[in-house]
All heavy atoms as atom14 arrays in JSON, in Angstrom:
{
  "sequence": "ARRGILLLCALVLSQAGTEGQQAVTAIRDILRRAYRASSLVECVNSV",
  "atom14_mask": [
    [1, 1, 1, 1, 1, 0, 0, 0, 0, 0, 0, 0, 0, 0],
    [1, 1, 1, 1, 1, 1, 1, 1, 1, 1, 1, 0, 0, 0],
    [1, 1, 1, 1, 1, 1, 1, 1, 1, 1, 1, 0, 0, 0],
    [1, 1, 1, 1, 0, 0, 0, 0, 0, 0, 0, 0, 0, 0],
    [1, 1, 1, 1, 1, 1, 1, 1, 0, 0, 0, 0, 0, 0],
    [1, 1, 1, 1, 1, 1, 1, 1, 0, 0, 0, 0, 0, 0],
    [1, 1, 1, 1, 1, 1, 1, 1, 0, 0, 0, 0, 0, 0],
    [1, 1, 1, 1, 1, 1, 1, 1, 0, 0, 0, 0, 0, 0],
    [1, 1, 1, 1, 1, 1, 0, 0, 0, 0, 0, 0, 0, 0],
    [1, 1, 1, 1, 1, 0, 0, 0, 0, 0, 0, 0, 0, 0],
    [1, 1, 1, 1, 1, 1, 1, 1, 0, 0, 0, 0, 0, 0],
    [1, 1, 1, 1, 1, 1, 1, 0, 0, 0, 0, 0, 0, 0],
    [1, 1, 1, 1, 1, 1, 1, 1, 0, 0, 0, 0, 0, 0],
    [1, 1, 1, 1, 1, 1, 0, 0, 0, 0, 0, 0, 0, 0],
    [1, 1, 1, 1, 1, 1, 1, 1, 1, 0, 0, 0, 0, 0],
    [1, 1, 1, 1, 1, 0, 0, 0, 0, 0, 0, 0, 0, 0],
    [1, 1, 1, 1, 0, 0, 0, 0, 0, 0, 0, 0, 0, 0],
    [1, 1, 1, 1, 1, 1, 1, 0, 0, 0, 0, 0, 0, 0],
    [1, 1, 1, 1, 1, 1, 1, 1, 1, 0, 0, 0, 0, 0],
    [1, 1, 1, 1, 0, 0, 0, 0, 0, 0, 0, 0, 0, 0],
    [1, 1, 1, 1, 1, 1, 1, 1, 1, 0, 0, 0, 0, 0],
    [1, 1, 1, 1, 1, 1, 1, 1, 1, 0, 0, 0, 0, 0],
    [1, 1, 1, 1, 1, 0, 0, 0, 0, 0, 0, 0, 0, 0],
    [1, 1, 1, 1, 1, 1, 1, 0, 0, 0, 0, 0, 0, 0],
    [1, 1, 1, 1, 1, 1, 1, 0, 0, 0, 0, 0, 0, 0],
    [1, 1, 1, 1, 1, 0, 0, 0, 0, 0, 0, 0, 0, 0],
    [1, 1, 1, 1, 1, 1, 1, 1, 0, 0, 0, 0, 0, 0],
    [1, 1, 1, 1, 1, 1, 1, 1, 1, 1, 1, 0, 0, 0],
    [1, 1, 1, 1, 1, 1, 1, 1, 0, 0, 0, 0, 0, 0],
    [1, 1, 1, 1, 1, 1, 1, 1, 0, 0, 0, 0, 0, 0],
    [1, 1, 1, 1, 1, 1, 1, 1, 0, 0, 0, 0, 0, 0],
    [1, 1, 1, 1, 1, 1, 1, 1, 1, 1, 1, 0, 0, 0],
    [1, 1, 1, 1, 1, 1, 1, 1, 1, 1, 1, 0, 0, 0],
    [1, 1, 1, 1, 1, 0, 0, 0, 0, 0, 0, 0, 0, 0],
    [1, 1, 1, 1, 1, 1, 1, 1, 1, 1, 1, 1, 0, 0],
    [1, 1, 1, 1, 1, 1, 1, 1, 1, 1, 1, 0, 0, 0],
    [1, 1, 1, 1, 1, 0, 0, 0, 0, 0, 0, 0, 0, 0],
    [1, 1, 1, 1, 1, 1, 0, 0, 0, 0, 0, 0, 0, 0],
    [1, 1, 1, 1, 1, 1, 0, 0, 0, 0, 0, 0, 0, 0],
    [1, 1, 1, 1, 1, 1, 1, 1, 0, 0, 0, 0, 0, 0],
    [1, 1, 1, 1, 1, 1, 1, 0, 0, 0, 0, 0, 0, 0],
    [1, 1, 1, 1, 1, 1, 1, 1, 1, 0, 0, 0, 0, 0],
    [1, 1, 1, 1, 1, 1, 0, 0, 0, 0, 0, 0, 0, 0],
    [1, 1, 1, 1, 1, 1, 1, 0, 0, 0, 0, 0, 0, 0],
    [1, 1, 1, 1, 1, 1, 1, 1, 0, 0, 0, 0, 0, 0],
    [1, 1, 1, 1, 1, 1, 0, 0, 0, 0, 0, 0, 0, 0],
    [1, 1, 1, 1, 1, 1, 1, 0, 0, 0, 0, 0, 0, 0]
  ],
  "atom14_positions": [
    [[-38.34, 219.39, 250.97], [-38.91, 219.09, 249.65], [-40.16, 219.98, 249.38], [-40.42, 220.5, 248.23], [-39.27, 217.58, 249.5], [0.0, 0.0, 0.0], [0.0, 0.0, 0.0], [0.0, 0.0, 0.0], [0.0, 0.0, 0.0], [0.0, 0.0, 0.0], [0.0, 0.0, 0.0], [0.0, 0.0, 0.0], [0.0, 0.0, 0.0], [0.0, 0.0, 0.0]],
    [[-40.96, 220.12, 250.44], [-42.18, 220.96, 250.31], [-41.82, 222.43, 249.98], [-42.51, 223.13, 249.22], [-43.05, 220.8, 251.55], [-43.64, 219.43, 251.82], [-44.62, 219.43, 252.96], [-44.93, 218.09, 253.35], [-44.48, 217.53, 254.42], [-43.66, 218.17, 255.23], [-44.82, 216.3, 254.72], [0.0, 0.0, 0.0], [0.0, 0.0, 0.0], [0.0, 0.0, 0.0]],
    [[-40.81, 222.9, 250.65], [-40.33, 224.25, 250.35], [-39.91, 224.44, 248.97], [-40.19, 225.46, 248.36], [-39.24, 224.65, 251.42], [-39.76, 224.85, 252.82], [-38.74, 225.51, 253.69], [-37.56, 224.72, 253.94], [-37.33, 223.93, 254.93], [-38.33, 223.76, 255.85], [-36.21, 223.24, 255.04], [0.0, 0.0, 0.0], [0.0, 0.0, 0.0], [0.0, 0.0, 0.0]],
    [[-39.22, 223.43, 248.46], [-38.78, 223.51, 247.05], [-40.04, 223.48, 246.11], [-40.03, 224.24, 245.11], [0.0, 0.0, 0.0], [0.0, 0.0, 0.0], [0.0, 0.0, 0.0], [0.0, 0.0, 0.0], [0.0, 0.0, 0.0], [0.0, 0.0, 0.0], [0.0, 0.0, 0.0], [0.0, 0.0, 0.0], [0.0, 0.0, 0.0], [0.0, 0.0, 0.0]],
    [[-40.99, 222.59, 246.39], [-42.15, 222.52, 245.6], [-42.92, 223.91, 245.67], [-43.51, 224.3, 244.65], [-43.09, 221.35, 246.07], [-42.36, 220.0, 245.81], [-44.39, 221.36, 245.29], [-43.14, 218.89, 246.4], [0.0, 0.0, 0.0], [0.0, 0.0, 0.0], [0.0, 0.0, 0.0], [0.0, 0.0, 0.0], [0.0, 0.0, 0.0], [0.0, 0.0, 0.0]],
    [[-42.93, 224.5, 246.83], [-43.59, 225.75, 246.95], [-43.0, 226.8, 246.03], [-43.73, 227.62, 245.42], [-43.58, 226.28, 248.39], [-44.4, 227.52, 248.7], [-45.8, 227.4, 248.38], [-44.17, 227.95, 250.16], [0.0, 0.0, 0.0], [0.0, 0.0, 0.0], [0.0, 0.0, 0.0], [0.0, 0.0, 0.0], [0.0, 0.0, 0.0], [0.0, 0.0, 0.0]],
    [[-41.66, 226.83, 245.92], [-41.06, 227.75, 244.96], [-41.39, 227.41, 243.52], [-41.66, 228.32, 242.76], [-39.53, 227.67, 245.21], [-39.01, 228.17, 246.45], [-37.43, 227.96, 246.57], [-39.21, 229.62, 246.61], [0.0, 0.0, 0.0], [0.0, 0.0, 0.0], [0.0, 0.0, 0.0], [0.0, 0.0, 0.0], [0.0, 0.0, 0.0], [0.0, 0.0, 0.0]],
    [[-41.53, 226.18, 243.18], [-41.9, 225.81, 241.81], [-43.38, 226.26, 241.56], [-43.71, 226.69, 240.49], [-41.77, 224.27, 241.65], [-40.34, 223.73, 241.63], [-40.36, 222.24, 241.47], [-39.52, 224.37, 240.4], [0.0, 0.0, 0.0], [0.0, 0.0, 0.0], [0.0, 0.0, 0.0], [0.0, 0.0, 0.0], [0.0, 0.0, 0.0], [0.0, 0.0, 0.0]],
    [[-44.25, 226.15, 242.59], [-45.67, 226.55, 242.4], [-45.67, 228.07, 242.1], [-46.45, 228.53, 241.28], [-46.41, 226.2, 243.65], [-46.63, 224.43, 243.85], [0.0, 0.0, 0.0], [0.0, 0.0, 0.0], [0.0, 0.0, 0.0], [0.0, 0.0, 0.0], [0.0, 0.0, 0.0], [0.0, 0.0, 0.0], [0.0, 0.0, 0.0], [0.0, 0.0, 0.0]],
    [[-44.85, 228.82, 242.9], [-44.87, 230.26, 242.61], [-44.43, 230.58, 241.29], [-44.86, 231.51, 240.64], [-43.98, 230.96, 243.69], [0.0, 0.0, 0.0], [0.0, 0.0, 0.0], [0.0, 0.0, 0.0], [0.0, 0.0, 0.0], [0.0, 0.0, 0.0], [0.0, 0.0, 0.0], [0.0, 0.0, 0.0], [0.0, 0.0, 0.0], [0.0, 0.0, 0.0]],
    [[-43.4, 229.8, 240.77], [-42.88, 230.06, 239.38], [-43.91, 229.74, 238.38], [-44.1, 230.49, 237.39], [-41.62, 229.16, 239.24], [-40.97, 229.32, 237.88], [-40.53, 230.72, 237.51], [-39.81, 228.3, 237.7], [0.0, 0.0, 0.0], [0.0, 0.0, 0.0], [0.0, 0.0, 0.0], [0.0, 0.0, 0.0], [0.0, 0.0, 0.0], [0.0, 0.0, 0.0]],
    [[-44.7, 228.64, 238.53], [-45.73, 228.25, 237.63], [-46.85, 229.34, 237.53], [-47.3, 229.72, 236.43], [-46.28, 226.88, 237.94], [-47.54, 226.6, 237.1], [-45.28, 225.83, 237.79], [0.0, 0.0, 0.0], [0.0, 0.0, 0.0], [0.0, 0.0, 0.0], [0.0, 0.0, 0.0], [0.0, 0.0, 0.0], [0.0, 0.0, 0.0], [0.0, 0.0, 0.0]],
    [[-47.19, 229.82, 238.66], [-48.28, 230.83, 238.77], [-47.85, 232.12, 238.13], [-48.59, 232.81, 237.46], [-48.74, 231.03, 240.15], [-49.46, 229.86, 240.83], [-49.73, 230.08, 242.3], [-50.76, 229.51, 240.13], [0.0, 0.0, 0.0], [0.0, 0.0, 0.0], [0.0, 0.0, 0.0], [0.0, 0.0, 0.0], [0.0, 0.0, 0.0], [0.0, 0.0, 0.0]],
    [[-46.62, 232.47, 238.36], [-46.06, 233.73, 237.81], [-46.0, 233.64, 236.27], [-46.26, 234.62, 235.54], [-44.72, 234.11, 238.42], [-43.75, 233.1, 238.04], [0.0, 0.0, 0.0], [0.0, 0.0, 0.0], [0.0, 0.0, 0.0], [0.0, 0.0, 0.0], [0.0, 0.0, 0.0], [0.0, 0.0, 0.0], [0.0, 0.0, 0.0], [0.0, 0.0, 0.0]],
    [[-45.49, 232.57, 235.79], [-45.55, 232.33, 234.31], [-46.89, 232.33, 233.69], [-47.03, 232.64, 232.56], [-44.64, 231.09, 233.96], [-43.16, 231.23, 234.27], [-42.43, 230.03, 233.87], [-42.98, 228.97, 233.62], [-41.12, 230.11, 233.88], [0.0, 0.0, 0.0], [0.0, 0.0, 0.0], [0.0, 0.0, 0.0], [0.0, 0.0, 0.0], [0.0, 0.0, 0.0]],
    [[-47.89, 231.83, 234.46], [-49.23, 231.75, 233.94], [-49.86, 233.12, 233.8], [-50.89, 233.3, 233.08], [-50.04, 230.89, 234.84], [0.0, 0.0, 0.0], [0.0, 0.0, 0.0], [0.0, 0.0, 0.0], [0.0, 0.0, 0.0], [0.0, 0.0, 0.0], [0.0, 0.0, 0.0], [0.0, 0.0, 0.0], [0.0, 0.0, 0.0], [0.0, 0.0, 0.0]],
    [[-49.28, 234.18, 234.5], [-49.79, 235.5, 234.3], [-51.18, 235.71, 234.95], [-51.48, 235.35, 236.05], [0.0, 0.0, 0.0], [0.0, 0.0, 0.0], [0.0, 0.0, 0.0], [0.0, 0.0, 0.0], [0.0, 0.0, 0.0], [0.0, 0.0, 0.0], [0.0, 0.0, 0.0], [0.0, 0.0, 0.0], [0.0, 0.0, 0.0], [0.0, 0.0, 0.0]],
    [[-52.13, 236.25, 234.11], [-53.44, 236.56, 234.56], [-54.09, 235.27, 235.01], [-54.93, 235.29, 235.99], [-54.21, 237.27, 233.47], [-53.49, 238.49, 233.09], [-55.58, 237.7, 233.92], [0.0, 0.0, 0.0], [0.0, 0.0, 0.0], [0.0, 0.0, 0.0], [0.0, 0.0, 0.0], [0.0, 0.0, 0.0], [0.0, 0.0, 0.0], [0.0, 0.0, 0.0]],
    [[-53.96, 234.25, 234.23], [-54.6, 232.97, 234.57], [-54.22, 232.52, 235.9], [-55.05, 232.02, 236.7], [-54.29, 231.94, 233.52], [-54.98, 230.56, 233.79], [-54.54, 229.51, 232.78], [-53.71, 229.79, 231.92], [-55.11, 228.38, 232.84], [0.0, 0.0, 0.0], [0.0, 0.0, 0.0], [0.0, 0.0, 0.0], [0.0, 0.0, 0.0], [0.0, 0.0, 0.0]],
    [[-52.91, 232.62, 236.31], [-52.49, 232.22, 237.59], [-53.12, 233.04, 238.73], [-53.55, 232.46, 239.72], [0.0, 0.0, 0.0], [0.0, 0.0, 0.0], [0.0, 0.0, 0.0], [0.0, 0.0, 0.0], [0.0, 0.0, 0.0], [0.0, 0.0, 0.0], [0.0, 0.0, 0.0], [0.0, 0.0, 0.0], [0.0, 0.0, 0.0], [0.0, 0.0, 0.0]],
    [[-53.23, 234.33, 238.55], [-53.89, 235.13, 239.51], [-55.4, 234.83, 239.68], [-55.83, 234.74, 240.78], [-53.71, 236.63, 239.21], [-52.25, 237.15, 239.19], [-52.15, 238.57, 238.76], [-53.15, 239.2, 238.43], [-50.91, 239.08, 238.66], [0.0, 0.0, 0.0], [0.0, 0.0, 0.0], [0.0, 0.0, 0.0], [0.0, 0.0, 0.0], [0.0, 0.0, 0.0]],
    [[-56.0, 234.66, 238.55], [-57.42, 234.26, 238.63], [-57.59, 232.95, 239.24], [-58.57, 232.72, 240.06], [-58.03, 234.23, 237.17], [-58.1, 235.64, 236.58], [-58.53, 235.59, 235.16], [-58.7, 234.46, 234.55], [-58.9, 236.72, 234.46], [0.0, 0.0, 0.0], [0.0, 0.0, 0.0], [0.0, 0.0, 0.0], [0.0, 0.0, 0.0], [0.0, 0.0, 0.0]],
    [[-56.71, 231.95, 239.03], [-56.87, 230.62, 239.62], [-56.65, 230.75, 241.15], [-57.44, 230.08, 241.91], [-55.8, 229.67, 239.1], [0.0, 0.0, 0.0], [0.0, 0.0, 0.0], [0.0, 0.0, 0.0], [0.0, 0.0, 0.0], [0.0, 0.0, 0.0], [0.0, 0.0, 0.0], [0.0, 0.0, 0.0], [0.0, 0.0, 0.0], [0.0, 0.0, 0.0]],
    [[-55.68, 231.47, 241.62], [-55.48, 231.68, 243.13], [-56.78, 232.3, 243.7], [-57.21, 231.82, 244.75], [-54.23, 232.52, 243.27], [-54.14, 232.93, 244.73], [-52.97, 231.84, 242.84], [0.0, 0.0, 0.0], [0.0, 0.0, 0.0], [0.0, 0.0, 0.0], [0.0, 0.0, 0.0], [0.0, 0.0, 0.0], [0.0, 0.0, 0.0], [0.0, 0.0, 0.0]],
    [[-57.3, 233.3, 243.09], [-58.52, 233.86, 243.63], [-59.67, 233.01, 243.7], [-60.48, 232.9, 244.7], [-58.86, 235.22, 242.8], [-57.71, 236.11, 242.8], [-60.06, 235.91, 243.45], [0.0, 0.0, 0.0], [0.0, 0.0, 0.0], [0.0, 0.0, 0.0], [0.0, 0.0, 0.0], [0.0, 0.0, 0.0], [0.0, 0.0, 0.0], [0.0, 0.0, 0.0]],
    [[-59.91, 232.25, 242.6], [-61.02, 231.36, 242.47], [-60.95, 230.24, 243.52], [-61.91, 229.85, 244.22], [-61.2, 230.78, 241.03], [0.0, 0.0, 0.0], [0.0, 0.0, 0.0], [0.0, 0.0, 0.0], [0.0, 0.0, 0.0], [0.0, 0.0, 0.0], [0.0, 0.0, 0.0], [0.0, 0.0, 0.0], [0.0, 0.0, 0.0], [0.0, 0.0, 0.0]],
    [[-59.68, 229.74, 243.66], [-59.53, 228.56, 244.56], [-59.73, 229.0, 246.01], [-60.31, 228.29, 246.85], [-58.11, 227.93, 244.32], [-58.19, 227.08, 242.99], [-57.74, 226.97, 245.45], [-56.85, 226.51, 242.64], [0.0, 0.0, 0.0], [0.0, 0.0, 0.0], [0.0, 0.0, 0.0], [0.0, 0.0, 0.0], [0.0, 0.0, 0.0], [0.0, 0.0, 0.0]],
    [[-59.16, 230.16, 246.28], [-59.4, 230.67, 247.71], [-60.83, 230.96, 247.98], [-61.27, 230.68, 249.16], [-58.52, 232.03, 247.84], [-57.06, 231.69, 248.0], [-56.31, 233.06, 248.3], [-54.89, 232.82, 248.5], [-54.0, 233.74, 248.83], [-54.4, 234.95, 248.94], [-52.76, 233.47, 248.93], [0.0, 0.0, 0.0], [0.0, 0.0, 0.0], [0.0, 0.0, 0.0]],
    [[-61.56, 231.38, 247.04], [-63.01, 231.65, 247.25], [-63.73, 230.29, 247.4], [-64.61, 230.24, 248.39], [-63.56, 232.33, 246.0], [-65.07, 232.73, 246.22], [-65.39, 233.49, 247.09], [-65.88, 232.02, 245.57], [0.0, 0.0, 0.0], [0.0, 0.0, 0.0], [0.0, 0.0, 0.0], [0.0, 0.0, 0.0], [0.0, 0.0, 0.0], [0.0, 0.0, 0.0]],
    [[-63.36, 229.29, 246.76], [-64.04, 227.97, 246.98], [-63.7, 227.45, 248.33], [-64.56, 226.89, 249.05], [-63.53, 226.99, 245.86], [-64.16, 227.37, 244.5], [-63.99, 225.57, 246.16], [-63.6, 226.62, 243.33], [0.0, 0.0, 0.0], [0.0, 0.0, 0.0], [0.0, 0.0, 0.0], [0.0, 0.0, 0.0], [0.0, 0.0, 0.0], [0.0, 0.0, 0.0]],
    [[-62.39, 227.52, 248.72], [-61.96, 226.92, 250.03], [-62.57, 227.74, 251.18], [-62.89, 227.24, 252.2], [-60.42, 226.89, 250.1], [-59.83, 226.05, 249.01], [-58.28, 226.14, 249.14], [-60.31, 224.58, 249.09], [0.0, 0.0, 0.0], [0.0, 0.0, 0.0], [0.0, 0.0, 0.0], [0.0, 0.0, 0.0], [0.0, 0.0, 0.0], [0.0, 0.0, 0.0]],
    [[-62.72, 229.08, 250.9], [-63.25, 229.89, 251.97], [-64.71, 229.58, 252.27], [-65.19, 229.78, 253.44], [-63.1, 231.34, 251.6], [-63.57, 232.39, 252.63], [-63.21, 233.8, 252.27], [-63.64, 234.12, 250.86], [-64.89, 234.49, 250.59], [-65.77, 234.67, 251.54], [-65.26, 234.79, 249.38], [0.0, 0.0, 0.0], [0.0, 0.0, 0.0], [0.0, 0.0, 0.0]],
    [[-65.41, 229.1, 251.29], [-66.85, 228.73, 251.39], [-67.02, 227.32, 251.73], [-68.22, 226.78, 251.74], [-67.55, 229.08, 250.13], [-67.58, 230.55, 249.79], [-68.17, 230.72, 248.4], [-68.34, 232.13, 248.05], [-69.39, 232.94, 248.31], [-70.43, 232.46, 248.88], [-69.42, 234.17, 247.9], [0.0, 0.0, 0.0], [0.0, 0.0, 0.0], [0.0, 0.0, 0.0]],
    [[-65.94, 226.61, 252.11], [-66.1, 225.2, 252.51], [-66.49, 225.09, 253.93], [-65.76, 224.81, 254.86], [-64.8, 224.47, 252.27], [0.0, 0.0, 0.0], [0.0, 0.0, 0.0], [0.0, 0.0, 0.0], [0.0, 0.0, 0.0], [0.0, 0.0, 0.0], [0.0, 0.0, 0.0], [0.0, 0.0, 0.0], [0.0, 0.0, 0.0], [0.0, 0.0, 0.0]],
    [[-67.81, 225.37, 254.2], [-68.29, 225.44, 255.6], [-68.53, 224.01, 256.08], [-69.24, 223.2, 255.35], [-69.49, 226.24, 255.66], [-69.34, 227.7, 255.21], [-69.83, 228.09, 254.06], [-68.5, 228.57, 255.91], [-69.67, 229.44, 253.57], [-68.36, 229.9, 255.53], [-68.88, 230.29, 254.31], [-68.7, 231.59, 253.92], [0.0, 0.0, 0.0], [0.0, 0.0, 0.0]],
    [[-68.24, 223.75, 257.33], [-68.39, 222.42, 257.82], [-68.92, 222.42, 259.29], [-68.98, 221.42, 260.01], [-67.02, 221.63, 257.88], [-65.95, 222.29, 258.72], [-64.63, 221.58, 258.49], [-63.62, 222.17, 259.4], [-63.34, 221.65, 260.62], [-64.0, 220.65, 261.09], [-62.45, 222.24, 261.37], [0.0, 0.0, 0.0], [0.0, 0.0, 0.0], [0.0, 0.0, 0.0]],
    [[-69.34, 223.6, 259.77], [-69.9, 223.65, 261.14], [-70.98, 224.75, 261.2], [-70.92, 225.77, 260.39], [-68.8, 224.11, 262.16], [0.0, 0.0, 0.0], [0.0, 0.0, 0.0], [0.0, 0.0, 0.0], [0.0, 0.0, 0.0], [0.0, 0.0, 0.0], [0.0, 0.0, 0.0], [0.0, 0.0, 0.0], [0.0, 0.0, 0.0], [0.0, 0.0, 0.0]],
    [[-71.98, 224.56, 262.01], [-73.1, 225.5, 262.15], [-72.87, 226.38, 263.39], [-73.81, 226.77, 264.08], [-74.37, 224.76, 262.27], [-74.36, 223.86, 263.39], [0.0, 0.0, 0.0], [0.0, 0.0, 0.0], [0.0, 0.0, 0.0], [0.0, 0.0, 0.0], [0.0, 0.0, 0.0], [0.0, 0.0, 0.0], [0.0, 0.0, 0.0], [0.0, 0.0, 0.0]],
    [[-71.63, 226.73, 263.68], [-71.27, 227.56, 264.82], [-71.96, 228.92, 264.73], [-72.35, 229.49, 265.83], [-69.79, 227.73, 264.98], [-69.18, 226.45, 265.0], [0.0, 0.0, 0.0], [0.0, 0.0, 0.0], [0.0, 0.0, 0.0], [0.0, 0.0, 0.0], [0.0, 0.0, 0.0], [0.0, 0.0, 0.0], [0.0, 0.0, 0.0], [0.0, 0.0, 0.0]],
    [[-72.04, 229.43, 263.59], [-72.62, 230.78, 263.49], [-74.1, 230.82, 263.91], [-74.45, 231.7, 264.71], [-72.46, 231.3, 262.06], [-73.16, 232.65, 261.76], [-72.41, 233.71, 262.54], [-73.04, 232.98, 260.26], [0.0, 0.0, 0.0], [0.0, 0.0, 0.0], [0.0, 0.0, 0.0], [0.0, 0.0, 0.0], [0.0, 0.0, 0.0], [0.0, 0.0, 0.0]],
    [[-74.9, 229.93, 263.55], [-76.31, 229.88, 263.97], [-76.36, 229.64, 265.49], [-77.27, 230.08, 266.09], [-77.08, 228.88, 263.14], [-76.75, 227.5, 263.51], [-78.64, 229.16, 263.31], [0.0, 0.0, 0.0], [0.0, 0.0, 0.0], [0.0, 0.0, 0.0], [0.0, 0.0, 0.0], [0.0, 0.0, 0.0], [0.0, 0.0, 0.0], [0.0, 0.0, 0.0]],
    [[-75.46, 228.85, 265.93], [-75.41, 228.62, 267.43], [-75.17, 229.92, 268.22], [-75.71, 230.16, 269.26], [-74.36, 227.58, 267.79], [-74.63, 226.17, 267.27], [-75.91, 225.58, 267.9], [-76.26, 226.03, 268.98], [-76.53, 224.67, 267.27], [0.0, 0.0, 0.0], [0.0, 0.0, 0.0], [0.0, 0.0, 0.0], [0.0, 0.0, 0.0], [0.0, 0.0, 0.0]],
    [[-74.25, 230.76, 267.64], [-74.0, 232.05, 268.26], [-75.26, 232.92, 268.25], [-75.61, 233.6, 269.27], [-72.86, 232.8, 267.44], [-71.27, 231.92, 267.64], [0.0, 0.0, 0.0], [0.0, 0.0, 0.0], [0.0, 0.0, 0.0], [0.0, 0.0, 0.0], [0.0, 0.0, 0.0], [0.0, 0.0, 0.0], [0.0, 0.0, 0.0], [0.0, 0.0, 0.0]],
    [[-75.95, 232.93, 267.09], [-77.2, 233.75, 267.06], [-78.17, 233.18, 268.02], [-78.93, 233.93, 268.73], [-77.75, 233.82, 265.62], [-78.97, 234.61, 265.56], [-76.72, 234.39, 264.61], [0.0, 0.0, 0.0], [0.0, 0.0, 0.0], [0.0, 0.0, 0.0], [0.0, 0.0, 0.0], [0.0, 0.0, 0.0], [0.0, 0.0, 0.0], [0.0, 0.0, 0.0]],
    [[-78.29, 231.87, 268.17], [-79.25, 231.3, 269.07], [-78.92, 231.62, 270.47], [-79.77, 231.91, 271.28], [-79.11, 229.72, 268.98], [-79.84, 229.23, 267.64], [-80.44, 229.98, 266.97], [-79.68, 227.94, 267.36], [0.0, 0.0, 0.0], [0.0, 0.0, 0.0], [0.0, 0.0, 0.0], [0.0, 0.0, 0.0], [0.0, 0.0, 0.0], [0.0, 0.0, 0.0]],
    [[-77.6, 231.72, 270.81], [-77.23, 232.07, 272.17], [-77.64, 233.53, 272.53], [-78.17, 233.76, 273.6], [-75.69, 231.95, 272.3], [-75.3, 230.57, 272.14], [0.0, 0.0, 0.0], [0.0, 0.0, 0.0], [0.0, 0.0, 0.0], [0.0, 0.0, 0.0], [0.0, 0.0, 0.0], [0.0, 0.0, 0.0], [0.0, 0.0, 0.0], [0.0, 0.0, 0.0]],
    [[-77.48, 234.44, 271.56], [-77.9, 235.78, 271.79], [-79.42, 235.88, 271.96], [-79.93, 236.63, 272.88], [-77.39, 236.68, 270.61], [-77.94, 238.13, 270.82], [-75.81, 236.72, 270.63], [0.0, 0.0, 0.0], [0.0, 0.0, 0.0], [0.0, 0.0, 0.0], [0.0, 0.0, 0.0], [0.0, 0.0, 0.0], [0.0, 0.0, 0.0], [0.0, 0.0, 0.0]]
  ]
}
């Protein structure tokens, strides 16, 4: 069922055209910035 829904999502985004591409880019940017750990500063501290 999830694979079928994934095909429908791709169809919706393709029919949306530019809006669909912009939505994918914006959502990926938001999710990419969803930081939940301070591992990076711990790495700098270790060095």
